[in-house]
Amino acid sequence: MAPQSACSCGIDSLQSFIGHDFDAGELGPSGFSAASVHRIGIFDARLLNLDCHAGNMLVKKHDQHENYCVGADELVPRDHGLCLPEWLDDPYLEWQHWPQASVPFSESELEYISNLDAFKDAELLRRELPSLRESSIRVLVLCTIFLKRAAAVGLCLSDIGEMMTREFCGGEC
């Protein structure tokens, strides 16, 4: 009889070390560009990130870089363990109330969003991550369609985040 492996093969986690200076909770949002907040927000909205708190956004400070002005801070998302849930749930979106989230999307951001193809991305996920449940893939499709339609009618990231979350009722609901 052949020996059996103690582990089952599958994708549990993919990690990459990202050098950073702070997390967003240590600084507050004032040093972040609208573009950096928009990148995080677009990503979180598509994947229905249920856990986008300030500690899950790393901050890299740049003295000078070709894509950043002097002193600009770059937000880098981390810990996506609560992305692509199997059902629609109430996300926590730290950036939702930041001033940058109320800034309208730029033309390049609107173009990026309009070019998203939820069904092509769903096929990619089915092919590359066969262990991902179909219900999670449906969440991606639904959230991407919602993001595209919301951006197309001129909603800003703050409006989109508000529509994706429930109002906190303080136990009154």
C-alpha atoms as a PDB file:
ATOM      1  CA  MET A   1       0.000   0.000   0.000  1.00  0.00           C
ATOM      2  CA  ALA A   2       1.402   3.413  -0.952  1.00  0.00           C
ATOM      3  CA  PRO A   3       1.973   5.905   1.859  1.00  0.00           C
ATOM      4  CA  GLN A   4      -0.578   8.688   2.029  1.00  0.00           C
ATOM      5  CA  SER A   5       0.387  12.313   2.235  1.00  0.00           C
ATOM      6  CA  ALA A   6      -0.563  14.114   5.425  1.00  0.00           C
ATOM      7  CA  CYS A   7      -1.483  17.245   3.505  1.00  0.00           C
ATOM      8  CA  SER A   8      -3.962  17.858   0.763  1.00  0.00           C
ATOM      9  CA  CYS A   9      -2.767  19.922  -2.138  1.00  0.00           C
ATOM     10  CA  GLY A  10      -4.415  23.258  -2.714  1.00  0.00           C
ATOM     11  CA  ILE A  11      -3.851  26.954  -2.525  1.00  0.00           C
ATOM     12  CA  ASP A  12      -4.104  28.233   1.021  1.00  0.00           C
ATOM     13  CA  SER A  13      -2.163  31.463   0.873  1.00  0.00           C
ATOM     14  CA  LEU A  14       0.041  33.433  -1.441  1.00  0.00           C
ATOM     15  CA  GLN A  15       2.289  35.971   0.206  1.00  0.00           C
ATOM     16  CA  SER A  16       4.881  38.455  -0.872  1.00  0.00           C
ATOM     17  CA  PHE A  17       6.917  40.661   1.427  1.00  0.00           C
ATOM     18  CA  ILE A  18       6.284  44.352   0.804  1.00  0.00           C
ATOM     19  CA  GLY A  19       8.699  46.798   2.334  1.00  0.00           C
ATOM     20  CA  HIS A  20       6.800  49.656   3.928  1.00  0.00           C
ATOM     21  CA  ASP A  21       7.180  52.520   6.357  1.00  0.00           C
ATOM     22  CA  PHE A  22       3.821  52.501   8.182  1.00  0.00           C
ATOM     23  CA  ASP A  23       0.305  51.216   7.981  1.00  0.00           C
ATOM     24  CA  ALA A  24      -2.469  53.674   7.172  1.00  0.00           C
ATOM     25  CA  GLY A  25      -3.715  53.618  10.761  1.00  0.00           C
ATOM     26  CA  GLU A  26      -0.471  55.151  11.966  1.00  0.00           C
ATOM     27  CA  LEU A  27      -0.749  58.177   9.661  1.00  0.00           C
ATOM     28  CA  GLY A  28      -4.334  58.982   8.792  1.00  0.00           C
ATOM     29  CA  PRO A  29      -5.469  59.705   5.246  1.00  0.00           C
ATOM     30  CA  SER A  30      -4.167  63.248   4.711  1.00  0.00           C
ATOM     31  CA  GLY A  31      -0.948  62.192   2.949  1.00  0.00           C
ATOM     32  CA  PHE A  32      -2.549  59.860   0.422  1.00  0.00           C
ATOM     33  CA  SER A  33      -3.294  60.893  -3.129  1.00  0.00           C
ATOM     34  CA  ALA A  34      -6.792  60.472  -4.527  1.00  0.00           C
ATOM     35  CA  ALA A  35      -5.324  58.102  -7.131  1.00  0.00           C
ATOM     36  CA  SER A  36      -3.845  55.852  -4.432  1.00  0.00           C
ATOM     37  CA  VAL A  37      -7.123  55.756  -2.478  1.00  0.00           C
ATOM     38  CA  HIS A  38      -9.047  55.113  -5.716  1.00  0.00           C
ATOM     39  CA  ARG A  39      -6.789  52.146  -6.609  1.00  0.00           C
ATOM     40  CA  ILE A  40      -7.448  50.561  -3.214  1.00  0.00           C
ATOM     41  CA  GLY A  41     -11.177  51.320  -3.400  1.00  0.00           C
ATOM     42  CA  ILE A  42     -11.628  49.934  -6.907  1.00  0.00           C
ATOM     43  CA  PHE A  43      -9.851  46.750  -5.849  1.00  0.00           C
ATOM     44  CA  ASP A  44     -11.889  46.410  -2.633  1.00  0.00           C
ATOM     45  CA  ALA A  45     -15.182  47.068  -4.419  1.00  0.00           C
ATOM     46  CA  ARG A  46     -14.498  44.431  -7.082  1.00  0.00           C
ATOM     47  CA  LEU A  47     -13.471  41.768  -4.584  1.00  0.00           C
ATOM     48  CA  LEU A  48     -15.938  42.790  -1.854  1.00  0.00           C
ATOM     49  CA  ASN A  49     -13.180  43.133   0.716  1.00  0.00           C
ATOM     50  CA  LEU A  50     -14.936  42.620   4.041  1.00  0.00           C
ATOM     51  CA  ASP A  51     -11.892  43.703   6.062  1.00  0.00           C
ATOM     52  CA  CYS A  52     -10.422  46.876   4.588  1.00  0.00           C
ATOM     53  CA  HIS A  53      -9.294  48.602   7.771  1.00  0.00           C
ATOM     54  CA  ALA A  54      -6.326  50.957   8.049  1.00  0.00           C
ATOM     55  CA  GLY A  55      -4.038  48.205   9.343  1.00  0.00           C
ATOM     56  CA  ASN A  56      -4.569  46.304   6.092  1.00  0.00           C
ATOM     57  CA  MET A  57      -3.155  49.147   4.014  1.00  0.00           C
ATOM     58  CA  LEU A  58       0.594  49.565   4.095  1.00  0.00           C
ATOM     59  CA  VAL A  59       2.195  52.926   3.356  1.00  0.00           C
ATOM     60  CA  LYS A  60       5.363  53.340   1.348  1.00  0.00           C
ATOM     61  CA  LYS A  61       6.852  56.814   1.481  1.00  0.00           C
ATOM     62  CA  HIS A  62       8.532  58.089  -1.667  1.00  0.00           C
ATOM     63  CA  ASP A  63      11.134  60.823  -1.788  1.00  0.00           C
ATOM     64  CA  GLN A  64      11.088  60.750  -5.560  1.00  0.00           C
ATOM     65  CA  HIS A  65       9.897  58.176  -8.038  1.00  0.00           C
ATOM     66  CA  GLU A  66       8.807  58.383 -11.646  1.00  0.00           C
ATOM     67  CA  ASN A  67       5.164  57.628 -10.774  1.00  0.00           C
ATOM     68  CA  TYR A  68       4.969  59.674  -7.551  1.00  0.00           C
ATOM     69  CA  CYS A  69       5.620  63.280  -6.666  1.00  0.00           C
ATOM     70  CA  VAL A  70       8.075  64.165  -3.915  1.00  0.00           C
ATOM     71  CA  GLY A  71       6.633  63.311  -0.520  1.00  0.00           C
ATOM     72  CA  ALA A  72       3.754  61.242  -1.928  1.00  0.00           C
ATOM     73  CA  ASP A  73       2.663  58.179  -0.011  1.00  0.00           C
ATOM     74  CA  GLU A  74       1.709  54.974  -1.794  1.00  0.00           C
ATOM     75  CA  LEU A  75      -0.987  52.734  -0.327  1.00  0.00           C
ATOM     76  CA  VAL A  76      -0.380  49.004  -0.705  1.00  0.00           C
ATOM     77  CA  PRO A  77      -3.231  46.628   0.195  1.00  0.00           C
ATOM     78  CA  ARG A  78      -2.538  43.514   2.267  1.00  0.00           C
ATOM     79  CA  ASP A  79      -4.362  40.649   3.953  1.00  0.00           C
ATOM     80  CA  HIS A  80      -7.074  39.689   1.502  1.00  0.00           C
ATOM     81  CA  GLY A  81      -8.314  36.722   3.484  1.00  0.00           C
ATOM     82  CA  LEU A  82     -11.817  38.186   3.578  1.00  0.00           C
ATOM     83  CA  CYS A  83     -12.096  38.995  -0.133  1.00  0.00           C
ATOM     84  CA  LEU A  84     -14.350  37.166  -2.557  1.00  0.00           C
ATOM     85  CA  PRO A  85     -16.712  35.848   0.105  1.00  0.00           C
ATOM     86  CA  GLU A  86     -19.217  33.182  -0.858  1.00  0.00           C
ATOM     87  CA  TRP A  87     -22.174  35.539  -0.348  1.00  0.00           C
ATOM     88  CA  LEU A  88     -22.849  39.251  -0.243  1.00  0.00           C
ATOM     89  CA  ASP A  89     -21.998  40.633   3.155  1.00  0.00           C
ATOM     90  CA  ASP A  90     -21.428  44.007   4.760  1.00  0.00           C
ATOM     91  CA  PRO A  91     -17.846  45.137   4.086  1.00  0.00           C
ATOM     92  CA  TYR A  92     -15.805  47.460   6.255  1.00  0.00           C
ATOM     93  CA  LEU A  93     -14.226  50.021   3.925  1.00  0.00           C
ATOM     94  CA  GLU A  94     -11.839  52.313   5.816  1.00  0.00           C
ATOM     95  CA  TRP A  95     -11.400  54.614   2.827  1.00  0.00           C
ATOM     96  CA  GLN A  96     -15.138  55.213   2.458  1.00  0.00           C
ATOM     97  CA  HIS A  97     -15.094  58.373   4.599  1.00  0.00           C
ATOM     98  CA  TRP A  98     -11.686  59.684   3.552  1.00  0.00           C
ATOM     99  CA  PRO A  99     -11.847  62.975   1.609  1.00  0.00           C
ATOM    100  CA  GLN A 100     -10.109  61.415  -1.419  1.00  0.00           C
ATOM    101  CA  ALA A 101     -13.010  58.970  -1.846  1.00  0.00           C
ATOM    102  CA  SER A 102     -15.282  61.946  -2.631  1.00  0.00           C
ATOM    103  CA  VAL A 103     -13.025  63.120  -5.448  1.00  0.00           C
ATOM    104  CA  PRO A 104     -14.487  62.105  -8.824  1.00  0.00           C
ATOM    105  CA  PHE A 105     -12.699  59.366 -10.719  1.00  0.00           C
ATOM    106  CA  SER A 106     -10.142  60.594 -13.247  1.00  0.00           C
ATOM    107  CA  GLU A 107     -10.621  59.901 -16.950  1.00  0.00           C
ATOM    108  CA  SER A 108      -7.976  57.152 -16.816  1.00  0.00           C
ATOM    109  CA  GLU A 109      -9.688  55.541 -13.801  1.00  0.00           C
ATOM    110  CA  LEU A 110     -13.062  55.672 -15.565  1.00  0.00           C
ATOM    111  CA  GLU A 111     -11.483  54.110 -18.647  1.00  0.00           C
ATOM    112  CA  TYR A 112      -9.894  51.378 -16.522  1.00  0.00           C
ATOM    113  CA  ILE A 113     -13.212  50.621 -14.805  1.00  0.00           C
ATOM    114  CA  SER A 114     -15.178  50.625 -18.069  1.00  0.00           C
ATOM    115  CA  ASN A 115     -12.694  48.152 -19.589  1.00  0.00           C
ATOM    116  CA  LEU A 116     -13.085  45.630 -16.764  1.00  0.00           C
ATOM    117  CA  ASP A 117     -14.549  42.371 -18.026  1.00  0.00           C
ATOM    118  CA  ALA A 118     -16.177  40.518 -15.143  1.00  0.00           C
ATOM    119  CA  PHE A 119     -16.945  37.416 -17.217  1.00  0.00           C
ATOM    120  CA  LYS A 120     -13.421  37.144 -18.622  1.00  0.00           C
ATOM    121  CA  ASP A 121     -12.029  37.535 -15.087  1.00  0.00           C
ATOM    122  CA  ALA A 122     -14.446  34.870 -13.849  1.00  0.00           C
ATOM    123  CA  GLU A 123     -13.174  32.441 -16.501  1.00  0.00           C
ATOM    124  CA  LEU A 124      -9.584  33.246 -15.510  1.00  0.00           C
ATOM    125  CA  LEU A 125     -10.370  32.478 -11.863  1.00  0.00           C
ATOM    126  CA  ARG A 126     -12.110  29.226 -12.764  1.00  0.00           C
ATOM    127  CA  ARG A 127      -9.090  28.151 -14.804  1.00  0.00           C
ATOM    128  CA  GLU A 128      -6.313  29.316 -12.469  1.00  0.00           C
ATOM    129  CA  LEU A 129      -7.980  28.730  -9.098  1.00  0.00           C
ATOM    130  CA  PRO A 130     -10.262  25.717  -9.559  1.00  0.00           C
ATOM    131  CA  SER A 131     -10.714  25.401  -5.787  1.00  0.00           C
ATOM    132  CA  LEU A 132     -12.383  28.836  -5.619  1.00  0.00           C
ATOM    133  CA  ARG A 133     -16.098  28.311  -5.143  1.00  0.00           C
ATOM    134  CA  GLU A 134     -18.505  29.383  -7.837  1.00  0.00           C
ATOM    135  CA  SER A 135     -20.406  31.521  -5.327  1.00  0.00           C
ATOM    136  CA  SER A 136     -17.251  33.607  -4.757  1.00  0.00           C
ATOM    137  CA  ILE A 137     -16.820  34.042  -8.494  1.00  0.00           C
ATOM    138  CA  ARG A 138     -20.429  35.247  -8.729  1.00  0.00           C
ATOM    139  CA  VAL A 139     -19.632  37.871  -6.073  1.00  0.00           C
ATOM    140  CA  LEU A 140     -16.759  39.141  -8.254  1.00  0.00           C
ATOM    141  CA  VAL A 141     -19.038  39.328 -11.308  1.00  0.00           C
ATOM    142  CA  LEU A 142     -21.810  41.108  -9.427  1.00  0.00           C
ATOM    143  CA  CYS A 143     -19.486  43.587  -7.696  1.00  0.00           C
ATOM    144  CA  THR A 144     -17.641  44.358 -10.935  1.00  0.00           C
ATOM    145  CA  ILE A 145     -20.895  45.026 -12.785  1.00  0.00           C
ATOM    146  CA  PHE A 146     -22.050  47.237  -9.903  1.00  0.00           C
ATOM    147  CA  LEU A 147     -18.751  49.181  -9.890  1.00  0.00           C
ATOM    148  CA  LYS A 148     -18.878  49.688 -13.660  1.00  0.00           C
ATOM    149  CA  ARG A 149     -22.473  50.948 -13.639  1.00  0.00           C
ATOM    150  CA  ALA A 150     -21.948  53.176 -10.607  1.00  0.00           C
ATOM    151  CA  ALA A 151     -18.833  54.778 -12.101  1.00  0.00           C
ATOM    152  CA  ALA A 152     -20.538  55.201 -15.484  1.00  0.00           C
ATOM    153  CA  VAL A 153     -23.330  57.288 -13.945  1.00  0.00           C
ATOM    154  CA  GLY A 154     -20.817  59.514 -12.150  1.00  0.00           C
ATOM    155  CA  LEU A 155     -20.802  58.130  -8.632  1.00  0.00           C
ATOM    156  CA  CYS A 156     -17.591  58.687  -6.690  1.00  0.00           C
ATOM    157  CA  LEU A 157     -15.870  56.031  -4.596  1.00  0.00           C
ATOM    158  CA  SER A 158     -17.486  57.299  -1.389  1.00  0.00           C
ATOM    159  CA  ASP A 159     -20.963  56.932  -2.941  1.00  0.00           C
ATOM    160  CA  ILE A 160     -20.108  53.435  -4.125  1.00  0.00           C
ATOM    161  CA  GLY A 161     -18.828  52.437  -0.684  1.00  0.00           C
ATOM    162  CA  GLU A 162     -21.970  53.827   0.934  1.00  0.00           C
ATOM    163  CA  MET A 163     -24.145  51.751  -1.380  1.00  0.00           C
ATOM    164  CA  MET A 164     -22.115  48.624  -0.570  1.00  0.00           C
ATOM    165  CA  THR A 165     -22.388  48.972   3.218  1.00  0.00           C
ATOM    166  CA  ARG A 166     -25.215  49.020   5.690  1.00  0.00           C
ATOM    167  CA  GLU A 167     -25.805  51.977   7.942  1.00  0.00           C
ATOM    168  CA  PHE A 168     -24.689  51.309  11.498  1.00  0.00           C
ATOM    169  CA  CYS A 169     -27.756  51.409  13.737  1.00  0.00           C
ATOM    170  CA  GLY A 170     -26.141  51.027  17.159  1.00  0.00           C
ATOM    171  CA  GLY A 171     -28.304  48.054  18.149  1.00  0.00           C
ATOM    172  CA  GLU A 172     -31.548  49.762  17.119  1.00  0.00           C
ATOM    173  CA  CYS A 173     -32.107  47.575  14.045  1.00  0.00           C
END
